[in-house]
Amino acid sequence: MVLCIGILTSLFSALTLVPMLSGLFLDRREANIMLESDRQDGEFRGGNWIERQVARMSATFRQFQNRLEATLLSAANWSIGQGRKLRRLSVLGAMSVLLLATLTLLPQTDYLPEATVIL
């Protein structure tokens, strides 16, 4: 029950509080200035040192995210692109083998107590 309440509280926070607080910390004008500076020369020169650090970390994260998206897109095109039935079957087979290997590596649950059923 405690775990369920913790997960629901986290979900509520992620869906309501985090977007609201991020909207308070960074307005649209500031975000557009930071994005434009990233596109032009990669260096944000406005604001105080905290805003510059946030802009630098944001630019680094965007570069990492763009590289990750490109890698995932090329992997998806390689594996499920048009006219690649053998690759699709090999990817499906590899995933099936990994699933079966994972299921065989799970420990036995005989150490757990028997469940009590109350009718």
Protein backbone atom coordinates (compact mmCIF):
# COMPACT_ATOMS: atom_id res chain seq x y z
CA MET A 1 0.00 0.00 0.00
CA VAL A 2 2.84 2.39 0.86
CA LEU A 3 4.51 1.67 -2.47
CA CYS A 4 1.26 2.36 -4.33
CA ILE A 5 0.81 5.68 -2.55
CA GLY A 6 4.41 6.64 -3.30
CA ILE A 7 4.02 5.85 -7.00
CA LEU A 8 0.73 7.76 -7.24
CA THR A 9 2.27 10.76 -5.46
CA SER A 10 5.22 10.68 -7.85
CA LEU A 11 2.86 10.48 -10.84
CA PHE A 12 0.83 13.41 -9.55
CA SER A 13 4.00 15.43 -9.03
CA ALA A 14 5.36 14.58 -12.49
CA LEU A 15 2.12 15.50 -14.24
CA THR A 16 1.21 18.65 -12.34
CA LEU A 17 3.91 20.20 -10.16
CA VAL A 18 6.98 19.77 -12.35
CA PRO A 19 5.51 21.47 -15.47
CA MET A 20 4.06 24.27 -13.36
CA LEU A 21 7.34 24.92 -11.55
CA SER A 22 9.38 24.76 -14.75
CA GLY A 23 7.01 27.33 -16.23
CA LEU A 24 7.69 29.58 -13.26
CA PHE A 25 11.47 29.23 -13.49
CA LEU A 26 11.81 29.79 -17.24
CA ASP A 27 9.44 31.85 -19.32
CA ARG A 28 9.07 31.54 -23.09
CA ARG A 29 11.10 34.65 -23.90
CA GLU A 30 14.12 33.41 -21.95
CA ALA A 31 13.84 29.95 -23.50
CA ASN A 32 13.74 31.41 -27.02
CA ILE A 33 16.81 33.56 -26.29
CA MET A 34 18.72 30.48 -25.06
CA LEU A 35 17.65 28.39 -28.06
CA GLU A 36 18.61 31.12 -30.53
CA SER A 37 22.04 31.53 -28.93
CA ASP A 38 22.56 27.75 -29.21
CA ARG A 39 21.73 27.87 -32.91
CA GLN A 40 23.97 30.83 -33.68
CA ASP A 41 27.29 30.36 -31.92
CA GLY A 42 26.57 27.87 -29.13
CA GLU A 43 27.23 30.29 -26.28
CA PHE A 44 24.59 32.05 -24.18
CA ARG A 45 25.94 35.40 -22.99
CA GLY A 46 22.93 36.88 -21.19
CA GLY A 47 21.76 36.53 -17.62
CA ASN A 48 23.69 35.69 -14.49
CA TRP A 49 26.12 32.80 -14.02
CA ILE A 50 23.35 30.36 -13.05
CA GLU A 51 21.45 31.04 -16.27
CA ARG A 52 24.65 30.62 -18.29
CA GLN A 53 25.36 27.30 -16.58
CA VAL A 54 21.79 26.12 -17.21
CA ALA A 55 22.08 27.16 -20.85
CA ARG A 56 25.42 25.35 -21.22
CA MET A 57 24.07 22.16 -19.65
CA SER A 58 20.91 22.42 -21.73
CA ALA A 59 22.95 22.74 -24.91
CA THR A 60 25.07 19.74 -23.93
CA PHE A 61 21.95 17.71 -23.21
CA ARG A 62 20.38 18.72 -26.54
CA GLN A 63 23.52 17.61 -28.40
CA PHE A 64 23.47 14.28 -26.59
CA GLN A 65 19.74 13.89 -27.26
CA ASN A 66 20.17 14.68 -30.97
CA ARG A 67 22.95 12.08 -31.29
CA LEU A 68 20.86 9.51 -29.43
CA GLU A 69 17.83 10.18 -31.66
CA ALA A 70 19.97 9.82 -34.78
CA THR A 71 21.41 6.53 -33.51
CA LEU A 72 17.98 5.16 -32.63
CA LEU A 73 16.55 6.25 -35.98
CA SER A 74 19.36 4.58 -37.92
CA ALA A 75 18.96 1.39 -35.84
CA ALA A 76 15.21 1.37 -36.44
CA ASN A 77 15.69 1.96 -40.16
CA TRP A 78 18.25 -0.84 -40.26
CA SER A 79 16.08 -3.32 -38.43
CA ILE A 80 12.55 -2.60 -39.68
CA GLY A 81 13.08 -0.65 -42.88
CA GLN A 82 11.21 -1.52 -46.05
CA GLY A 83 12.13 -4.75 -47.82
CA ARG A 84 14.07 -6.15 -44.88
CA LYS A 85 12.07 -9.22 -43.88
CA LEU A 86 15.13 -11.25 -42.91
CA ARG A 87 16.33 -8.47 -40.61
CA ARG A 88 12.88 -8.19 -39.06
CA LEU A 89 12.85 -11.91 -38.39
CA SER A 90 16.39 -11.82 -36.97
CA VAL A 91 15.49 -8.95 -34.61
CA LEU A 92 12.31 -10.77 -33.53
CA GLY A 93 14.29 -13.98 -33.03
CA ALA A 94 16.98 -12.21 -31.01
CA MET A 95 14.37 -10.62 -28.77
CA SER A 96 12.66 -13.99 -28.28
CA VAL A 97 15.97 -15.65 -27.34
CA LEU A 98 16.74 -12.85 -24.89
CA LEU A 99 13.28 -13.18 -23.32
CA LEU A 100 13.67 -16.93 -22.89
CA ALA A 101 17.18 -16.51 -21.48
CA THR A 102 15.88 -13.96 -18.99
CA LEU A 103 13.05 -16.23 -17.90
CA THR A 104 15.43 -19.16 -17.36
CA LEU A 105 17.78 -16.99 -15.28
CA LEU A 106 15.05 -15.95 -12.84
CA PRO A 107 15.54 -17.51 -9.41
CA GLN A 108 13.14 -20.09 -8.04
CA THR A 109 10.41 -18.65 -5.86
CA ASP A 110 10.19 -21.60 -3.48
CA TYR A 111 11.65 -19.47 -0.68
CA LEU A 112 8.58 -17.22 -0.68
CA PRO A 113 5.70 -18.07 1.67
CA GLU A 114 2.50 -19.44 0.20
CA ALA A 115 -0.18 -16.86 -0.55
CA THR A 116 -3.24 -16.90 1.63
CA VAL A 117 -6.52 -16.58 -0.15
CA ILE A 118 -9.38 -15.11 1.80
CA LEU A 119 -12.79 -15.78 0.30
